[in-house]
């Protein structure tokens, strides 16, 4: 069997540095193992294959190999690579972060009687001394929901439940729907999206707006006041930390053909009372107040965790790459997206914040990556575990904030491959809470807290 062959004829593995926190694995699977695996795969297929003129499993092996050989070799290669990679990781005790990459692997052919040689790069946890976590000074703001805050939430609710009114041309605050195409300076197309939506910036945005996830400082000036049927063009520089490598620092051109222009007409509070099944506007305000208190308790935890994070980052010496990889950027942006969802930030604001994060400086992005490594290390040291019911509980909480069904949000997270991000978020929060349990916490009013934070910055 191929498994026995693999065990008896060890692979040749060389591990070398490919950059900060990056290892290159040069692996060679012996020719004997390759031949044994190919024979096993062909024999298994020959025992099942049905070819014209032959009963199932009775076709000559040579004919089966001629008919299905290419697919068999591809599958055998995938299995050999996966097994060899996993074994190399275990034998060399590499703490891998994220998925491995191997741009040249597709060009590698599997041939009987020849060794299979390939290279894989993996991001690994860096080696560093974990900081002390006992007795960190933390300031805790008191939770305080004001009538003004409730009024603001009522206004948002009326807008969210409002109706669309078609407009002749776009004015500040209006939404523009159409077909958007983003290309780089060499003509490479990065996005081609029907049904794209942009908002004409409000005056307080100082002309800044977002299109296809990219913040444009003079968006209002380039946008103008388009009508249905018009096409406008936006030119901008790609953010340096975009998760798509080709977009980074590229000279981007975005063309947008306008299908329609709409304005949101806010719903009336009495209509919302009727839709909600409550008896009065006071009951709506009471429900909003309860939700705000829950959200502010989350915010309270967030600002305390931010203080812990700042202390850990400043107390840890850790070498990181000067420029994040596309994989690292994607991971960090998804962490931020899930964190904003957890904090109850509305969907549109989340996308605006993510666009701003793409445009953040390399130093800010590197800071986030540093915290990611530190928190993983402390979580390992504290043996922090996450149960499935905790993941479902977190999804239920996020679903309530977004006013969607639990099963719908859970399906969306699975489809976007974000359940792992939820696991990581809970693990990080539990680690932060374990550190907070050892901290020196001082409670104060929101005003005192804001003054203290401003004095530190």
Protein backbone atom coordinates (compact mmCIF):
# COMPACT_ATOMS: atom_id res chain seq x y z
CA UNK A 1 0.00 0.00 0.00
CA UNK A 2 1.09 3.62 -0.61
CA UNK A 3 0.73 4.46 3.10
CA UNK A 4 3.30 1.79 3.97
CA UNK A 5 5.61 3.03 1.21
CA UNK A 6 5.41 6.56 2.57
CA UNK A 7 6.24 5.34 6.06
CA UNK A 8 9.21 3.23 4.91
CA UNK A 9 10.72 5.79 2.52
CA UNK A 10 10.81 9.17 4.29
CA UNK A 11 10.44 12.39 2.34
CA UNK A 12 13.30 14.83 2.06
CA UNK A 13 12.32 18.10 3.73
CA UNK A 14 14.28 21.34 3.96
CA UNK A 15 12.90 24.27 5.97
CA UNK A 16 14.32 27.72 5.29
CA UNK A 17 13.41 31.32 6.12
CA UNK A 18 11.50 33.15 3.39
CA UNK A 19 10.95 36.37 5.34
CA UNK A 20 9.64 37.50 8.73
CA UNK A 21 7.27 34.82 10.07
CA UNK A 22 7.49 33.01 6.72
CA UNK A 23 8.99 29.57 6.10
CA UNK A 24 9.71 27.80 2.83
CA UNK A 25 9.31 24.02 2.79
CA UNK A 26 11.25 22.27 0.04
CA UNK A 27 9.81 18.75 -0.08
CA UNK A 28 10.78 15.75 -2.17
CA UNK A 29 8.59 12.65 -2.17
CA UNK A 30 10.64 9.55 -3.21
CA UNK A 31 10.08 7.99 -6.63
CA UNK A 32 9.09 4.69 -5.00
CA UNK A 33 6.30 6.43 -3.06
CA UNK A 34 5.06 8.16 -6.23
CA UNK A 35 4.95 4.88 -8.16
CA UNK A 36 3.21 3.06 -5.32
CA UNK A 37 0.58 5.77 -5.03
CA UNK A 38 -0.08 5.83 -8.78
CA UNK A 39 -0.41 2.05 -8.89
CA UNK A 40 -2.79 2.07 -5.94
CA UNK A 41 -4.94 4.78 -7.56
CA UNK A 42 -5.07 3.07 -10.97
CA UNK A 43 -5.79 -0.34 -9.43
CA UNK A 44 -8.63 1.12 -7.36
CA UNK A 45 -10.14 2.83 -10.40
CA UNK A 46 -9.72 -0.25 -12.58
CA UNK A 47 -11.75 -2.23 -10.06
CA UNK A 48 -14.66 0.21 -10.42
CA UNK A 49 -14.46 1.78 -13.90
CA UNK A 50 -17.13 1.05 -16.48
CA UNK A 51 -15.97 1.32 -20.12
CA UNK A 52 -17.95 0.49 -23.29
CA UNK A 53 -17.66 -3.20 -24.11
CA UNK A 54 -16.52 -4.25 -20.63
CA UNK A 55 -18.34 -5.14 -17.44
CA UNK A 56 -17.69 -2.76 -14.50
CA UNK A 57 -14.27 -3.49 -13.05
CA UNK A 58 -13.23 -5.79 -15.97
CA UNK A 59 -11.66 -3.23 -18.33
CA UNK A 60 -7.91 -3.75 -18.98
CA UNK A 61 -5.70 -1.70 -16.66
CA UNK A 62 -3.83 -0.11 -19.61
CA UNK A 63 -7.13 1.08 -21.14
CA UNK A 64 -8.27 2.53 -17.81
CA UNK A 65 -4.97 4.33 -17.41
CA UNK A 66 -5.18 5.74 -20.94
CA UNK A 67 -8.76 6.94 -20.42
CA UNK A 68 -8.46 8.30 -16.86
CA UNK A 69 -4.72 8.67 -16.34
CA UNK A 70 -4.60 12.49 -16.28
CA UNK A 71 -7.29 12.79 -13.63
CA UNK A 72 -5.78 9.98 -11.58
CA UNK A 73 -2.35 11.66 -11.61
CA UNK A 74 -3.83 14.99 -10.57
CA UNK A 75 -5.70 13.45 -7.64
CA UNK A 76 -2.70 11.35 -6.62
CA UNK A 77 -0.49 14.46 -6.69
CA UNK A 78 -2.93 16.35 -4.48
CA UNK A 79 -3.00 13.51 -1.97
CA UNK A 80 0.78 13.12 -1.91
CA UNK A 81 1.33 16.87 -1.51
CA UNK A 82 -1.23 17.14 1.30
CA UNK A 83 0.19 14.17 3.18
CA UNK A 84 3.81 15.28 2.75
CA UNK A 85 3.00 18.87 3.80
CA UNK A 86 1.11 17.76 6.91
CA UNK A 87 3.90 15.39 7.92
CA UNK A 88 6.55 18.10 7.42
CA UNK A 89 4.58 20.54 9.60
CA UNK A 90 4.25 17.97 12.37
CA UNK A 91 7.86 16.76 12.25
CA UNK A 92 9.32 20.28 12.28
CA UNK A 93 6.77 21.49 14.87
CA UNK A 94 5.76 24.52 12.83
CA UNK A 95 2.92 26.64 14.23
CA UNK A 96 1.22 27.56 10.97
CA UNK A 97 -1.05 30.60 10.65
CA UNK A 98 -3.38 30.71 7.66
CA UNK A 99 -3.28 28.65 4.48
CA UNK A 100 -0.08 27.56 2.70
CA UNK A 101 0.79 28.96 -0.74
CA UNK A 102 2.60 27.36 -3.65
CA UNK A 103 2.32 29.39 -6.90
CA UNK A 104 4.39 26.90 -8.91
CA UNK A 105 2.65 23.74 -7.71
CA UNK A 106 0.26 23.62 -10.69
CA UNK A 107 3.24 23.31 -13.02
CA UNK A 108 4.65 20.30 -11.16
CA UNK A 109 3.85 17.00 -12.92
CA UNK A 110 3.53 13.61 -11.29
CA UNK A 111 5.42 10.94 -13.23
CA UNK A 112 5.81 7.28 -12.43
CA UNK A 113 9.36 6.40 -11.41
CA UNK A 114 10.31 10.00 -10.64
CA UNK A 115 10.43 11.85 -7.31
CA UNK A 116 7.83 14.56 -6.68
CA UNK A 117 9.60 17.81 -5.70
CA UNK A 118 7.74 20.99 -4.76
CA UNK A 119 7.98 24.08 -2.55
CA UNK A 120 5.39 25.52 -0.19
CA UNK A 121 5.49 28.76 1.79
CA UNK A 122 3.71 29.02 5.14
CA UNK A 123 3.19 31.86 7.57
CA UNK A 124 4.17 30.79 11.09
CA UNK A 125 3.78 32.16 14.58
CA UNK A 126 6.83 34.29 15.43
CA UNK A 127 9.03 33.49 18.40
CA UNK A 128 8.88 36.12 21.15
CA UNK A 129 8.65 36.54 24.92
CA UNK A 130 5.06 36.94 26.08
CA UNK A 131 4.45 40.07 28.20
CA UNK A 132 3.35 39.97 31.84
CA UNK A 133 -0.42 40.10 32.17
CA UNK A 134 -0.93 40.67 35.91
CA UNK A 135 -2.00 44.02 37.36
CA UNK A 136 -2.43 46.04 34.16
CA UNK A 137 -4.05 49.44 34.92
CA UNK A 138 -7.43 49.76 33.15
CA UNK A 139 -10.05 52.53 33.22
CA UNK A 140 -13.72 51.46 33.09
CA UNK A 141 -16.37 53.96 31.90
CA UNK A 142 -19.82 53.70 33.47
CA UNK A 143 -22.73 52.76 31.21
CA UNK A 144 -25.01 55.76 30.65
CA UNK A 145 -27.88 55.82 28.10
CA UNK A 146 -29.26 59.34 27.54
CA UNK A 147 -32.57 60.45 25.94
CA UNK A 148 -30.54 62.06 23.15
CA UNK A 149 -28.95 58.71 22.31
CA UNK A 150 -32.41 57.12 22.13
CA UNK A 151 -33.58 59.94 19.84
CA UNK A 152 -30.65 59.28 17.50
CA UNK A 153 -31.47 55.56 17.38
CA UNK A 154 -35.13 56.33 16.63
CA UNK A 155 -34.00 58.52 13.71
CA UNK A 156 -31.79 55.70 12.39
CA UNK A 157 -34.64 53.21 12.74
CA UNK A 158 -36.98 55.47 10.77
CA UNK A 159 -34.37 55.74 8.00
CA UNK A 160 -33.74 51.99 7.95
CA UNK A 161 -37.48 51.31 7.64
CA UNK A 162 -37.98 54.10 5.09
CA UNK A 163 -38.95 53.85 1.44
CA UNK A 164 -37.01 54.70 -1.70
CA UNK A 165 -38.07 57.67 -3.79
CA UNK A 166 -36.73 57.92 -7.35
CA UNK A 167 -34.79 61.13 -8.08
CA UNK A 168 -33.90 62.81 -11.34
CA UNK A 169 -30.30 63.51 -10.39
CA UNK A 170 -28.07 62.69 -7.42
CA UNK A 171 -27.83 65.15 -4.55
CA UNK A 172 -25.97 64.75 -1.21
CA UNK A 173 -27.19 61.65 0.64
CA UNK A 174 -28.82 60.05 -2.41
CA UNK A 175 -28.02 56.49 -3.46
CA UNK A 176 -26.83 55.68 -6.99
CA UNK A 177 -27.25 52.16 -8.37
CA UNK A 178 -25.58 50.88 -11.52
CA UNK A 179 -22.79 48.94 -13.23
CA UNK A 180 -19.27 49.52 -11.86
CA UNK A 181 -15.95 48.39 -13.38
CA UNK A 182 -12.56 48.86 -11.68
CA UNK A 183 -9.35 48.61 -13.73
CA UNK A 184 -5.67 49.22 -12.99
CA UNK A 185 -3.25 51.36 -14.96
CA UNK A 186 -2.34 48.42 -17.23
CA UNK A 187 -6.00 47.66 -17.98
CA UNK A 188 -6.31 44.72 -15.59
CA UNK A 189 -9.93 44.38 -14.45
CA UNK A 190 -10.39 43.85 -10.71
CA UNK A 191 -14.15 44.30 -10.28
CA UNK A 192 -17.09 44.16 -12.69
CA UNK A 193 -20.26 44.49 -10.69
CA UNK A 194 -23.88 44.95 -11.70
CA UNK A 195 -26.09 46.43 -8.99
CA UNK A 196 -23.26 48.36 -7.35
CA UNK A 197 -24.42 51.13 -5.00
CA UNK A 198 -22.66 54.36 -4.01
CA UNK A 199 -23.87 57.27 -1.91
CA UNK A 200 -23.38 60.90 -2.85
CA UNK A 201 -21.51 62.26 0.22
CA UNK A 202 -23.25 64.42 2.79
CA UNK A 203 -21.68 67.89 3.30
CA UNK A 204 -20.10 66.84 6.62
CA UNK A 205 -18.01 64.23 4.74
CA UNK A 206 -15.98 67.06 3.14
CA UNK A 207 -16.29 65.44 -0.27
CA UNK A 208 -14.97 62.04 0.84
CA UNK A 209 -16.86 58.97 -0.37
CA UNK A 210 -16.58 55.22 -0.99
CA UNK A 211 -16.86 53.18 -4.18
CA UNK A 212 -16.20 49.45 -4.57
CA UNK A 213 -14.71 49.37 -1.07
CA UNK A 214 -12.16 52.13 -1.73
CA UNK A 215 -12.23 55.54 -0.02
CA UNK A 216 -11.79 58.50 -2.42
CA UNK A 217 -10.95 61.86 -0.84
CA UNK A 218 -12.44 64.00 -3.65
CA UNK A 219 -15.28 61.62 -4.49
CA UNK A 220 -18.01 64.32 -4.51
CA UNK A 221 -16.01 66.47 -6.95
CA UNK A 222 -15.43 63.59 -9.38
CA UNK A 223 -18.99 62.28 -8.97
CA UNK A 224 -20.90 65.47 -9.70
CA UNK A 225 -24.70 65.10 -9.94
CA UNK A 226 -25.30 62.18 -12.34
CA UNK A 227 -28.70 61.12 -13.68
CA UNK A 228 -30.01 57.71 -14.76
CA UNK A 229 -28.25 56.76 -18.01
CA UNK A 230 -25.13 58.84 -17.25
CA UNK A 231 -21.67 57.35 -16.87
CA UNK A 232 -19.14 58.88 -14.48
CA UNK A 233 -15.47 58.04 -13.97
CA UNK A 234 -13.57 58.00 -10.68
CA UNK A 235 -9.76 57.97 -10.58
CA UNK A 236 -7.93 57.17 -7.36
CA UNK A 237 -4.90 55.44 -5.88
CA UNK A 238 -5.39 51.93 -4.52
CA UNK A 239 -4.93 51.63 -0.72
CA UNK A 240 -1.59 50.15 0.30
CA UNK A 241 -3.16 47.47 2.53
CA UNK A 242 -5.87 46.23 0.16
CA UNK A 243 -6.39 42.48 0.33
CA UNK A 244 -6.14 42.27 -3.49
CA UNK A 245 -2.41 42.56 -4.20
CA UNK A 246 -2.82 44.14 -7.64
CA UNK A 247 -4.95 47.00 -6.30
CA UNK A 248 -2.32 48.13 -3.81
CA UNK A 249 -0.92 51.58 -4.73
CA UNK A 250 -2.23 51.06 -8.28
CA UNK A 251 -3.64 53.92 -10.34
CA UNK A 252 -7.29 52.87 -10.44
CA UNK A 253 -10.02 53.90 -12.85
CA UNK A 254 -13.63 53.14 -11.92
CA UNK A 255 -16.36 53.64 -14.49
CA UNK A 256 -19.96 53.65 -13.27
CA UNK A 257 -23.02 53.54 -15.54
CA UNK A 258 -26.01 54.87 -13.58
CA UNK A 259 -29.22 52.81 -13.67
CA UNK A 260 -31.16 54.75 -11.06
CA UNK A 261 -30.93 57.43 -8.35
CA UNK A 262 -32.91 57.09 -5.11
CA UNK A 263 -33.44 58.94 -1.85
CA UNK A 264 -34.54 57.31 1.40
CA UNK A 265 -37.75 58.81 2.79
CA UNK A 266 -37.77 57.99 6.54
CA UNK A 267 -40.72 56.06 7.92
CA UNK A 268 -42.98 57.67 10.50
CA UNK A 269 -42.62 56.51 14.09
CA UNK A 270 -46.32 55.55 14.29
CA UNK A 271 -45.81 53.23 11.30
CA UNK A 272 -42.87 51.57 13.07
CA UNK A 273 -45.03 51.11 16.19
CA UNK A 274 -47.61 49.29 14.06
CA UNK A 275 -45.00 47.12 12.33
CA UNK A 276 -43.27 46.18 15.59
CA UNK A 277 -46.45 44.97 17.29
CA UNK A 278 -45.86 47.28 20.26
CA UNK A 279 -48.55 49.49 21.75
CA UNK A 280 -46.94 52.94 21.70
CA UNK A 281 -43.95 55.06 20.73
CA UNK A 282 -42.87 54.94 24.41
CA UNK A 283 -42.59 51.16 24.19
CA UNK A 284 -40.47 51.49 21.04
CA UNK A 285 -38.18 53.93 22.87
CA UNK A 286 -38.00 51.61 25.87
CA UNK A 287 -37.00 48.67 23.64
CA UNK A 288 -34.38 50.83 21.94
CA UNK A 289 -33.07 51.95 25.34
CA UNK A 290 -32.66 48.33 26.47
CA UNK A 291 -30.80 47.48 23.30
CA UNK A 292 -28.58 50.54 23.68
CA UNK A 293 -27.70 49.53 27.26
CA UNK A 294 -26.71 46.07 26.02
CA UNK A 295 -24.68 47.64 23.21
CA UNK A 296 -22.99 50.05 25.62
CA UNK A 297 -21.99 47.18 27.87
CA UNK A 298 -20.32 45.65 24.82
CA UNK A 299 -18.68 49.02 24.12
CA UNK A 300 -17.54 49.16 27.73
CA UNK A 301 -15.80 45.81 27.29
CA UNK A 302 -14.36 46.98 23.97
CA UNK A 303 -12.68 50.10 25.39
CA UNK A 304 -11.27 48.10 28.29
CA UNK A 305 -9.92 45.49 25.90
CA UNK A 306 -8.42 48.26 23.77
CA UNK A 307 -6.45 49.46 26.78
CA UNK A 308 -5.19 45.92 27.38
CA UNK A 309 -4.26 45.62 23.70
CA UNK A 310 -2.31 48.90 23.79
CA UNK A 311 -0.37 47.74 26.84
CA UNK A 312 0.42 44.34 25.32
CA UNK A 313 1.62 45.85 22.04
CA UNK A 314 3.84 48.40 23.76
CA UNK A 315 5.23 45.74 26.13
CA UNK A 316 6.16 43.16 23.49
CA UNK A 317 9.18 43.12 21.22
CA UNK A 318 8.21 41.35 18.02
CA UNK A 319 9.70 41.54 14.53
CA UNK A 320 7.11 41.71 11.77
CA UNK A 321 7.22 42.23 8.01
CA UNK A 322 7.25 45.90 6.97
CA UNK A 323 4.51 45.17 4.44
CA UNK A 324 1.62 42.85 5.07
CA UNK A 325 0.86 40.06 2.62
CA UNK A 326 -2.50 39.92 0.88
CA UNK A 327 -3.44 36.95 3.09
CA UNK A 328 -2.60 38.84 6.27
CA UNK A 329 -4.54 41.90 5.11
CA UNK A 330 -7.59 39.78 4.31
CA UNK A 331 -7.47 38.09 7.70
CA UNK A 332 -7.13 41.38 9.59
CA UNK A 333 -9.96 43.04 7.66
CA UNK A 334 -12.27 40.10 8.34
CA UNK A 335 -11.38 40.27 12.05
CA UNK A 336 -12.29 43.97 12.06
CA UNK A 337 -15.52 43.32 10.14
CA UNK A 338 -16.66 40.69 12.65
CA UNK A 339 -15.67 42.93 15.57
CA UNK A 340 -17.78 45.79 14.18
CA UNK A 341 -20.71 43.40 13.72
CA UNK A 342 -20.30 42.27 17.34
CA UNK A 343 -20.37 45.90 18.49
CA UNK A 344 -23.68 46.50 16.73
CA UNK A 345 -22.42 48.82 14.00
CA UNK A 346 -24.89 49.06 11.12
CA UNK A 347 -23.98 47.34 7.83
CA UNK A 348 -23.30 50.47 5.76
CA UNK A 349 -21.07 51.95 8.46
CA UNK A 350 -19.15 48.68 8.62
CA UNK A 351 -18.34 48.83 4.91
CA UNK A 352 -17.30 52.47 5.23
CA UNK A 353 -15.01 51.58 8.15
CA UNK A 354 -13.52 48.61 6.26
CA UNK A 355 -12.78 50.92 3.30
CA UNK A 356 -11.02 53.32 5.68
CA UNK A 357 -9.00 50.45 7.14
CA UNK A 358 -7.81 49.48 3.67
CA UNK A 359 -6.41 52.99 3.37
CA UNK A 360 -4.77 52.87 6.81
CA UNK A 361 -1.01 53.22 7.10
CA UNK A 362 1.27 50.19 7.10
CA UNK A 363 2.12 50.95 10.73
CA UNK A 364 -1.53 50.61 11.79
CA UNK A 365 -1.94 47.35 9.89
CA UNK A 366 1.29 45.97 11.36
CA UNK A 367 0.06 46.92 14.83
CA UNK A 368 -3.07 44.79 14.29
CA UNK A 369 -0.98 41.86 13.09
CA UNK A 370 1.28 42.16 16.14
CA UNK A 371 -1.75 42.04 18.44
CA UNK A 372 -3.06 38.98 16.57
CA UNK A 373 0.16 37.07 17.30
CA UNK A 374 0.34 38.22 20.92
CA UNK A 375 -3.24 37.21 21.67
CA UNK A 376 -2.75 33.79 20.08
CA UNK A 377 0.33 33.22 22.22
CA UNK A 378 -1.39 34.24 25.47
CA UNK A 379 -4.48 32.18 24.59
CA UNK A 380 -2.23 29.14 24.13
CA UNK A 381 -0.47 29.83 27.45
CA UNK A 382 -3.83 30.15 29.25
CA UNK A 383 -5.29 27.14 27.40
CA UNK A 384 -8.33 29.16 26.32
CA UNK A 385 -10.97 27.00 24.66
CA UNK A 386 -14.13 27.82 22.69
CA UNK A 387 -17.23 25.60 22.64
CA UNK A 388 -19.75 25.33 19.81
CA UNK A 389 -22.55 26.78 21.96
CA UNK A 390 -20.42 29.89 22.49
CA UNK A 391 -20.11 30.35 18.72
CA UNK A 392 -23.88 29.95 18.26
CA UNK A 393 -24.49 32.35 21.15
CA UNK A 394 -22.26 35.00 19.57
CA UNK A 395 -24.02 34.60 16.21
CA UNK A 396 -27.40 34.95 17.95
CA UNK A 397 -26.23 38.17 19.61
CA UNK A 398 -25.01 39.59 16.29
CA UNK A 399 -28.26 38.54 14.59
CA UNK A 400 -30.29 40.42 17.20
CA UNK A 401 -28.23 43.58 16.65
CA UNK A 402 -28.77 43.36 12.88
CA UNK A 403 -32.47 42.46 13.15
CA UNK A 404 -32.01 39.25 11.14
CA UNK A 405 -32.82 35.64 11.89
CA UNK A 406 -30.13 33.53 13.56
CA UNK A 407 -30.24 30.81 10.90
CA UNK A 408 -29.94 33.38 8.09
CA UNK A 409 -26.87 35.06 9.60
CA UNK A 410 -25.27 31.71 10.43
CA UNK A 411 -25.74 30.55 6.82
CA UNK A 412 -24.18 33.81 5.56
CA UNK A 413 -21.16 33.38 7.86
CA UNK A 414 -20.69 29.77 6.72
CA UNK A 415 -20.97 30.80 3.06
CA UNK A 416 -18.34 33.50 3.58
CA UNK A 417 -16.11 31.08 5.49
CA UNK A 418 -16.24 33.34 8.57
CA UNK A 419 -17.11 30.82 11.29
CA UNK A 420 -13.39 30.45 11.96
CA UNK A 421 -13.26 34.20 12.44
CA UNK A 422 -16.07 33.98 15.02
CA UNK A 423 -14.10 31.26 16.83
CA UNK A 424 -10.98 33.44 16.81
CA UNK A 425 -12.95 36.48 18.00
CA UNK A 426 -14.46 34.62 20.96
CA UNK A 427 -11.09 33.12 21.86
CA UNK A 428 -9.48 36.57 21.81
CA UNK A 429 -12.30 38.10 23.88
CA UNK A 430 -12.08 35.30 26.46
CA UNK A 431 -8.31 35.83 26.64
CA UNK A 432 -8.81 39.58 27.10
CA UNK A 433 -11.37 38.92 29.84
CA UNK A 434 -8.95 36.57 31.60
CA UNK A 435 -6.36 39.37 31.55
CA UNK A 436 -8.97 41.90 32.76
CA UNK A 437 -9.74 39.62 35.71
CA UNK A 438 -6.13 40.18 36.82
CA UNK A 439 -6.13 43.92 36.04
CA UNK A 440 -6.35 46.95 38.33
CA UNK A 441 -9.67 48.43 37.17
CA UNK A 442 -10.74 52.00 38.02
CA UNK A 443 -14.40 52.88 37.30
CA UNK A 444 -15.25 56.46 36.29
CA UNK A 445 -17.90 58.56 34.55
CA UNK A 446 -17.91 58.78 30.73
CA UNK A 447 -16.70 62.40 30.96
CA UNK A 448 -13.79 61.48 33.26
CA UNK A 449 -12.96 58.53 31.05
CA UNK A 450 -12.85 60.64 27.87
CA UNK A 451 -10.58 63.21 29.55
CA UNK A 452 -8.25 60.46 30.77
CA UNK A 453 -8.06 58.87 27.32
CA UNK A 454 -7.36 62.23 25.65
CA UNK A 455 -4.56 62.91 28.13
CA UNK A 456 -2.91 59.58 27.26
CA UNK A 457 -3.04 60.14 23.47
